[in-house]
Amino acid sequence: MNIWGYSLLTSTVNIPERGINVNSTTIMWDIPVITDRKILANQPDIVLHDKKEKARLLIDIAIPDGSDNTKDQR
């Protein structure tokens, strides 16, 4: 798997509990994000922090439940 040009998980890796550092990039999960306003959903699924480019990418994954689609189509 390639993320920002870095090859990750090419062999058996002991992954820390809440994050991993790869060169100048930190990959974190299940960590609350500090904001200037109170936000109830302040914990994205994945946070990619590129220290070299001074950029962060917040990734929130959602899987919609399509079980109610049959009721809408009637």
PDB file of N, CA and C in Angstrom:
ATOM      1  N   MET A   1       0.849  -1.179   0.000  1.00  0.00           N
ATOM      2  CA  MET A   1       0.000   0.000   0.000  1.00  0.00           C
ATOM      3  C   MET A   1       0.891   1.238   0.000  1.00  0.00           C
ATOM      4  N   ASN A   2       0.597   2.196  -0.873  1.00  0.00           N
ATOM      5  CA  ASN A   2       1.356   3.432  -0.949  1.00  0.00           C
ATOM      6  C   ASN A   2       0.511   4.594  -0.447  1.00  0.00           C
ATOM      7  N   ILE A   3       1.043   5.354   0.492  1.00  0.00           N
ATOM      8  CA  ILE A   3       0.404   6.571   0.979  1.00  0.00           C
ATOM      9  C   ILE A   3       1.427   7.678   0.846  1.00  0.00           C
ATOM     10  N   TRP A   4       1.111   8.691   0.044  1.00  0.00           N
ATOM     11  CA  TRP A   4       1.984   9.835  -0.200  1.00  0.00           C
ATOM     12  C   TRP A   4       3.380   9.398  -0.624  1.00  0.00           C
ATOM     13  N   GLY A   5       3.475   8.319  -1.387  1.00  0.00           N
ATOM     14  CA  GLY A   5       4.758   7.870  -1.896  1.00  0.00           C
ATOM     15  C   GLY A   5       5.532   6.982  -0.949  1.00  0.00           C
ATOM     16  N   TYR A   6       4.970   6.648   0.218  1.00  0.00           N
ATOM     17  CA  TYR A   6       5.640   5.790   1.189  1.00  0.00           C
ATOM     18  C   TYR A   6       5.020   4.402   1.138  1.00  0.00           C
ATOM     19  N   SER A   7       5.843   3.398   1.081  1.00  0.00           N
ATOM     20  CA  SER A   7       5.355   2.030   1.069  1.00  0.00           C
ATOM     21  C   SER A   7       5.121   1.581   2.507  1.00  0.00           C
ATOM     22  N   LEU A   8       3.910   1.154   2.800  1.00  0.00           N
ATOM     23  CA  LEU A   8       3.545   0.759   4.158  1.00  0.00           C
ATOM     24  C   LEU A   8       3.110  -0.691   4.207  1.00  0.00           C
ATOM     25  N   LEU A   9       3.316  -1.309   5.333  1.00  0.00           N
ATOM     26  CA  LEU A   9       2.833  -2.651   5.614  1.00  0.00           C
ATOM     27  C   LEU A   9       3.246  -3.660   4.545  1.00  0.00           C
ATOM     28  N   THR A  10       4.508  -3.643   4.172  1.00  0.00           N
ATOM     29  CA  THR A  10       5.001  -4.601   3.185  1.00  0.00           C
ATOM     30  C   THR A  10       5.413  -5.906   3.844  1.00  0.00           C
ATOM     31  N   SER A  11       5.580  -5.900   5.148  1.00  0.00           N
ATOM     32  CA  SER A  11       5.912  -7.116   5.879  1.00  0.00           C
ATOM     33  C   SER A  11       5.164  -7.083   7.206  1.00  0.00           C
ATOM     34  N   THR A  12       5.381  -8.073   8.024  1.00  0.00           N
ATOM     35  CA  THR A  12       4.736  -8.100   9.328  1.00  0.00           C
ATOM     36  C   THR A  12       5.251  -6.937  10.165  1.00  0.00           C
ATOM     37  N   VAL A  13       4.321  -6.096  10.636  1.00  0.00           N
ATOM     38  CA  VAL A  13       4.677  -4.891  11.367  1.00  0.00           C
ATOM     39  C   VAL A  13       3.938  -4.902  12.695  1.00  0.00           C
ATOM     40  N   ASN A  14       4.638  -4.558  13.763  1.00  0.00           N
ATOM     41  CA  ASN A  14       4.006  -4.398  15.057  1.00  0.00           C
ATOM     42  C   ASN A  14       3.479  -2.975  15.130  1.00  0.00           C
ATOM     43  N   ILE A  15       2.166  -2.790  14.941  1.00  0.00           N
ATOM     44  CA  ILE A  15       1.569  -1.463  14.879  1.00  0.00           C
ATOM     45  C   ILE A  15       1.226  -0.998  16.290  1.00  0.00           C
ATOM     46  N   PRO A  16       1.661   0.213  16.658  1.00  0.00           N
ATOM     47  CA  PRO A  16       1.313   0.756  17.972  1.00  0.00           C
ATOM     48  C   PRO A  16      -0.197   0.935  18.112  1.00  0.00           C
ATOM     49  N   GLU A  17      -0.620   1.216  19.319  1.00  0.00           N
ATOM     50  CA  GLU A  17      -2.049   1.259  19.609  1.00  0.00           C
ATOM     51  C   GLU A  17      -2.803   2.356  18.861  1.00  0.00           C
ATOM     52  N   ARG A  18      -2.254   3.574  18.765  1.00  0.00           N
ATOM     53  CA  ARG A  18      -3.006   4.689  18.178  1.00  0.00           C
ATOM     54  C   ARG A  18      -2.269   5.448  17.094  1.00  0.00           C
ATOM     55  N   GLY A  19      -1.134   4.997  16.631  1.00  0.00           N
ATOM     56  CA  GLY A  19      -0.467   5.732  15.573  1.00  0.00           C
ATOM     57  C   GLY A  19       0.837   5.091  15.146  1.00  0.00           C
ATOM     58  N   ILE A  20       1.330   5.562  14.000  1.00  0.00           N
ATOM     59  CA  ILE A  20       2.586   5.054  13.465  1.00  0.00           C
ATOM     60  C   ILE A  20       3.281   6.204  12.737  1.00  0.00           C
ATOM     61  N   ASN A  21       4.608   6.278  12.836  1.00  0.00           N
ATOM     62  CA  ASN A  21       5.403   7.285  12.142  1.00  0.00           C
ATOM     63  C   ASN A  21       6.128   6.635  10.980  1.00  0.00           C
ATOM     64  N   VAL A  22       5.994   7.243   9.807  1.00  0.00           N
ATOM     65  CA  VAL A  22       6.691   6.774   8.616  1.00  0.00           C
ATOM     66  C   VAL A  22       7.374   7.998   8.013  1.00  0.00           C
ATOM     67  N   ASN A  23       8.688   8.055   8.114  1.00  0.00           N
ATOM     68  CA  ASN A  23       9.481   9.195   7.647  1.00  0.00           C
ATOM     69  C   ASN A  23       8.914  10.491   8.223  1.00  0.00           C
ATOM     70  N   SER A  24       8.412  11.388   7.408  1.00  0.00           N
ATOM     71  CA  SER A  24       7.892  12.658   7.922  1.00  0.00           C
ATOM     72  C   SER A  24       6.368  12.653   8.041  1.00  0.00           C
ATOM     73  N   THR A  25       5.752  11.483   7.929  1.00  0.00           N
ATOM     74  CA  THR A  25       4.297  11.366   7.993  1.00  0.00           C
ATOM     75  C   THR A  25       3.890  10.576   9.227  1.00  0.00           C
ATOM     76  N   THR A  26       2.889  11.057   9.924  1.00  0.00           N
ATOM     77  CA  THR A  26       2.315  10.354  11.064  1.00  0.00           C
ATOM     78  C   THR A  26       0.903   9.927  10.699  1.00  0.00           C
ATOM     79  N   ILE A  27       0.599   8.650  10.918  1.00  0.00           N
ATOM     80  CA  ILE A  27      -0.740   8.118  10.678  1.00  0.00           C
ATOM     81  C   ILE A  27      -1.335   7.790  12.041  1.00  0.00           C
ATOM     82  N   MET A  28      -2.464   8.436  12.352  1.00  0.00           N
ATOM     83  CA  MET A  28      -3.097   8.254  13.659  1.00  0.00           C
ATOM     84  C   MET A  28      -4.548   7.831  13.464  1.00  0.00           C
ATOM     85  N   TRP A  29      -5.090   7.105  14.430  1.00  0.00           N
ATOM     86  CA  TRP A  29      -6.497   6.703  14.394  1.00  0.00           C
ATOM     87  C   TRP A  29      -7.050   6.735  15.801  1.00  0.00           C
ATOM     88  N   ASP A  30      -8.363   6.985  15.880  1.00  0.00           N
ATOM     89  CA  ASP A  30      -9.076   7.055  17.162  1.00  0.00           C
ATOM     90  C   ASP A  30      -8.472   8.089  18.104  1.00  0.00           C
ATOM     91  N   ILE A  31      -8.121   9.248  17.568  1.00  0.00           N
ATOM     92  CA  ILE A  31      -7.561  10.336  18.375  1.00  0.00           C
ATOM     93  C   ILE A  31      -8.447  11.569  18.178  1.00  0.00           C
ATOM     94  N   PRO A  32      -8.946  12.173  19.264  1.00  0.00           N
ATOM     95  CA  PRO A  32      -9.762  13.386  19.120  1.00  0.00           C
ATOM     96  C   PRO A  32      -8.947  14.536  18.537  1.00  0.00           C
ATOM     97  N   VAL A  33      -9.611  15.376  17.747  1.00  0.00           N
ATOM     98  CA  VAL A  33      -8.983  16.537  17.135  1.00  0.00           C
ATOM     99  C   VAL A  33      -9.394  17.770  17.919  1.00  0.00           C
ATOM    100  N   ILE A  34      -8.433  18.623  18.252  1.00  0.00           N
ATOM    101  CA  ILE A  34      -8.711  19.850  18.991  1.00  0.00           C
ATOM    102  C   ILE A  34      -9.191  20.906  18.000  1.00  0.00           C
ATOM    103  N   THR A  35     -10.350  21.504  18.301  1.00  0.00           N
ATOM    104  CA  THR A  35     -10.926  22.532  17.445  1.00  0.00           C
ATOM    105  C   THR A  35     -11.190  23.789  18.259  1.00  0.00           C
ATOM    106  N   ASP A  36     -11.433  24.904  17.568  1.00  0.00           N
ATOM    107  CA  ASP A  36     -11.711  26.152  18.278  1.00  0.00           C
ATOM    108  C   ASP A  36     -13.138  26.212  18.817  1.00  0.00           C
ATOM    109  N   ARG A  37     -14.025  25.382  18.273  1.00  0.00           N
ATOM    110  CA  ARG A  37     -15.402  25.273  18.768  1.00  0.00           C
ATOM    111  C   ARG A  37     -15.659  23.851  19.239  1.00  0.00           C
ATOM    112  N   LYS A  38     -16.640  23.691  20.115  1.00  0.00           N
ATOM    113  CA  LYS A  38     -16.977  22.356  20.582  1.00  0.00           C
ATOM    114  C   LYS A  38     -17.736  21.611  19.482  1.00  0.00           C
ATOM    115  N   ILE A  39     -17.177  20.485  19.069  1.00  0.00           N
ATOM    116  CA  ILE A  39     -17.788  19.637  18.058  1.00  0.00           C
ATOM    117  C   ILE A  39     -17.965  18.255  18.666  1.00  0.00           C
ATOM    118  N   LEU A  40     -19.170  17.717  18.601  1.00  0.00           N
ATOM    119  CA  LEU A  40     -19.429  16.421  19.219  1.00  0.00           C
ATOM    120  C   LEU A  40     -18.695  15.294  18.492  1.00  0.00           C
ATOM    121  N   ALA A  41     -18.606  15.373  17.177  1.00  0.00           N
ATOM    122  CA  ALA A  41     -17.937  14.325  16.392  1.00  0.00           C
ATOM    123  C   ALA A  41     -16.529  14.790  16.039  1.00  0.00           C
ATOM    124  N   ASN A  42     -15.668  14.961  17.043  1.00  0.00           N
ATOM    125  CA  ASN A  42     -14.325  15.482  16.807  1.00  0.00           C
ATOM    126  C   ASN A  42     -13.270  14.378  16.722  1.00  0.00           C
ATOM    127  N   GLN A  43     -13.685  13.177  16.413  1.00  0.00           N
ATOM    128  CA  GLN A  43     -12.749  12.058  16.357  1.00  0.00           C
ATOM    129  C   GLN A  43     -12.859  11.364  15.001  1.00  0.00           C
ATOM    130  N   PRO A  44     -12.076  11.830  14.001  1.00  0.00           N
ATOM    131  CA  PRO A  44     -12.128  11.179  12.693  1.00  0.00           C
ATOM    132  C   PRO A  44     -11.525   9.780  12.765  1.00  0.00           C
ATOM    133  N   ASP A  45     -11.828   8.952  11.775  1.00  0.00           N
ATOM    134  CA  ASP A  45     -11.321   7.583  11.769  1.00  0.00           C
ATOM    135  C   ASP A  45      -9.812   7.540  11.578  1.00  0.00           C
ATOM    136  N   ILE A  46      -9.295   8.328  10.628  1.00  0.00           N
ATOM    137  CA  ILE A  46      -7.863   8.322  10.322  1.00  0.00           C
ATOM    138  C   ILE A  46      -7.393   9.760  10.147  1.00  0.00           C
ATOM    139  N   VAL A  47      -6.209  10.076  10.686  1.00  0.00           N
ATOM    140  CA  VAL A  47      -5.588  11.382  10.496  1.00  0.00           C
ATOM    141  C   VAL A  47      -4.197  11.148   9.929  1.00  0.00           C
ATOM    142  N   LEU A  48      -3.930  11.713   8.740  1.00  0.00           N
ATOM    143  CA  LEU A  48      -2.601  11.673   8.140  1.00  0.00           C
ATOM    144  C   LEU A  48      -1.977  13.048   8.335  1.00  0.00           C
ATOM    145  N   HIS A  49      -0.822  13.120   8.990  1.00  0.00           N
ATOM    146  CA  HIS A  49      -0.151  14.389   9.254  1.00  0.00           C
ATOM    147  C   HIS A  49       1.215  14.351   8.578  1.00  0.00           C
ATOM    148  N   ASP A  50       1.368  15.151   7.522  1.00  0.00           N
ATOM    149  CA  ASP A  50       2.637  15.257   6.805  1.00  0.00           C
ATOM    150  C   ASP A  50       3.384  16.445   7.389  1.00  0.00           C
ATOM    151  N   LYS A  51       4.415  16.172   8.175  1.00  0.00           N
ATOM    152  CA  LYS A  51       5.166  17.227   8.856  1.00  0.00           C
ATOM    153  C   LYS A  51       5.995  18.048   7.879  1.00  0.00           C
ATOM    154  N   LYS A  52       6.472  17.418   6.830  1.00  0.00           N
ATOM    155  CA  LYS A  52       7.302  18.120   5.850  1.00  0.00           C
ATOM    156  C   LYS A  52       6.488  19.155   5.080  1.00  0.00           C
ATOM    157  N   GLU A  53       5.290  18.783   4.621  1.00  0.00           N
ATOM    158  CA  GLU A  53       4.421  19.692   3.861  1.00  0.00           C
ATOM    159  C   GLU A  53       3.514  20.528   4.762  1.00  0.00           C
ATOM    160  N   LYS A  54       3.543  20.258   6.069  1.00  0.00           N
ATOM    161  CA  LYS A  54       2.677  20.927   7.045  1.00  0.00           C
ATOM    162  C   LYS A  54       1.208  20.817   6.630  1.00  0.00           C
ATOM    163  N   ALA A  55       0.787  19.592   6.358  1.00  0.00           N
ATOM    164  CA  ALA A  55      -0.588  19.343   5.926  1.00  0.00           C
ATOM    165  C   ALA A  55      -1.172  18.184   6.713  1.00  0.00           C
ATOM    166  N   ARG A  56      -2.474  18.241   6.941  1.00  0.00           N
ATOM    167  CA  ARG A  56      -3.202  17.162   7.594  1.00  0.00           C
ATOM    168  C   ARG A  56      -4.373  16.763   6.731  1.00  0.00           C
ATOM    169  N   LEU A  57      -4.635  15.486   6.718  1.00  0.00           N
ATOM    170  CA  LEU A  57      -5.765  14.939   5.980  1.00  0.00           C
ATOM    171  C   LEU A  57      -6.615  14.150   6.962  1.00  0.00           C
ATOM    172  N   LEU A  58      -7.862  14.578   7.138  1.00  0.00           N
ATOM    173  CA  LEU A  58      -8.791  13.898   8.033  1.00  0.00           C
ATOM    174  C   LEU A  58      -9.666  12.985   7.197  1.00  0.00           C
ATOM    175  N   ILE A  59      -9.711  11.705   7.558  1.00  0.00           N
ATOM    176  CA  ILE A  59     -10.490  10.720   6.817  1.00  0.00           C
ATOM    177  C   ILE A  59     -11.545  10.140   7.744  1.00  0.00           C
ATOM    178  N   ASP A  60     -12.794  10.248   7.327  1.00  0.00           N
ATOM    179  CA  ASP A  60     -13.896   9.679   8.096  1.00  0.00           C
ATOM    180  C   ASP A  60     -14.592   8.675   7.188  1.00  0.00           C
ATOM    181  N   ILE A  61     -14.690   7.459   7.628  1.00  0.00           N
ATOM    182  CA  ILE A  61     -15.241   6.382   6.820  1.00  0.00           C
ATOM    183  C   ILE A  61     -16.654   6.071   7.295  1.00  0.00           C
ATOM    184  N   ALA A  62     -17.585   6.000   6.342  1.00  0.00           N
ATOM    185  CA  ALA A  62     -18.974   5.665   6.669  1.00  0.00           C
ATOM    186  C   ALA A  62     -19.458   4.579   5.719  1.00  0.00           C
ATOM    187  N   ILE A  63     -20.172   3.630   6.265  1.00  0.00           N
ATOM    188  CA  ILE A  63     -20.756   2.561   5.465  1.00  0.00           C
ATOM    189  C   ILE A  63     -22.264   2.677   5.615  1.00  0.00           C
ATOM    190  N   PRO A  64     -22.940   3.126   4.560  1.00  0.00           N
ATOM    191  CA  PRO A  64     -24.394   3.296   4.663  1.00  0.00           C
ATOM    192  C   PRO A  64     -25.095   1.949   4.764  1.00  0.00           C
ATOM    193  N   ASP A  65     -26.154   1.938   5.539  1.00  0.00           N
ATOM    194  CA  ASP A  65     -26.954   0.733   5.709  1.00  0.00           C
ATOM    195  C   ASP A  65     -28.114   0.805   4.717  1.00  0.00           C
ATOM    196  N   GLY A  66     -28.119  -0.079   3.747  1.00  0.00           N
ATOM    197  CA  GLY A  66     -29.135  -0.060   2.703  1.00  0.00           C
ATOM    198  C   GLY A  66     -30.319  -0.951   2.998  1.00  0.00           C
ATOM    199  N   SER A  67     -30.541  -1.309   4.236  1.00  0.00           N
ATOM    200  CA  SER A  67     -31.625  -2.240   4.547  1.00  0.00           C
ATOM    201  C   SER A  67     -33.006  -1.622   4.358  1.00  0.00           C
ATOM    202  N   ASP A  68     -33.129  -0.289   4.418  1.00  0.00           N
ATOM    203  CA  ASP A  68     -34.430   0.366   4.284  1.00  0.00           C
ATOM    204  C   ASP A  68     -34.745   0.739   2.835  1.00  0.00           C
ATOM    205  N   ASN A  69     -33.895   0.387   1.896  1.00  0.00           N
ATOM    206  CA  ASN A  69     -34.127   0.765   0.498  1.00  0.00           C
ATOM    207  C   ASN A  69     -35.388   0.139  -0.057  1.00  0.00           C
ATOM    208  N   THR A  70     -35.766  -1.050   0.367  1.00  0.00           N
ATOM    209  CA  THR A  70     -36.958  -1.699  -0.176  1.00  0.00           C
ATOM    210  C   THR A  70     -38.219  -0.945   0.200  1.00  0.00           C
ATOM    211  N   LYS A  71     -38.272  -0.306   1.369  1.00  0.00           N
ATOM    212  CA  LYS A  71     -39.450   0.448   1.779  1.00  0.00           C
ATOM    213  C   LYS A  71     -39.584   1.718   0.940  1.00  0.00           C
ATOM    214  N   ASP A  72     -38.476   2.356   0.565  1.00  0.00           N
ATOM    215  CA  ASP A  72     -38.519   3.581  -0.211  1.00  0.00           C
ATOM    216  C   ASP A  72     -38.913   3.328  -1.658  1.00  0.00           C
ATOM    217  N   GLN A  73     -38.664   2.158  -2.177  1.00  0.00           N
ATOM    218  CA  GLN A  73     -38.902   1.873  -3.580  1.00  0.00           C
ATOM    219  C   GLN A  73     -40.333   1.424  -3.854  1.00  0.00           C
ATOM    220  N   ARG A  74     -41.138   1.229  -2.856  1.00  0.00           N
ATOM    221  CA  ARG A  74     -42.523   0.782  -3.041  1.00  0.00           C
ATOM    222  C   ARG A  74     -43.420   1.864  -3.552  1.00  0.00           C
TER     223      ARG A  74
END
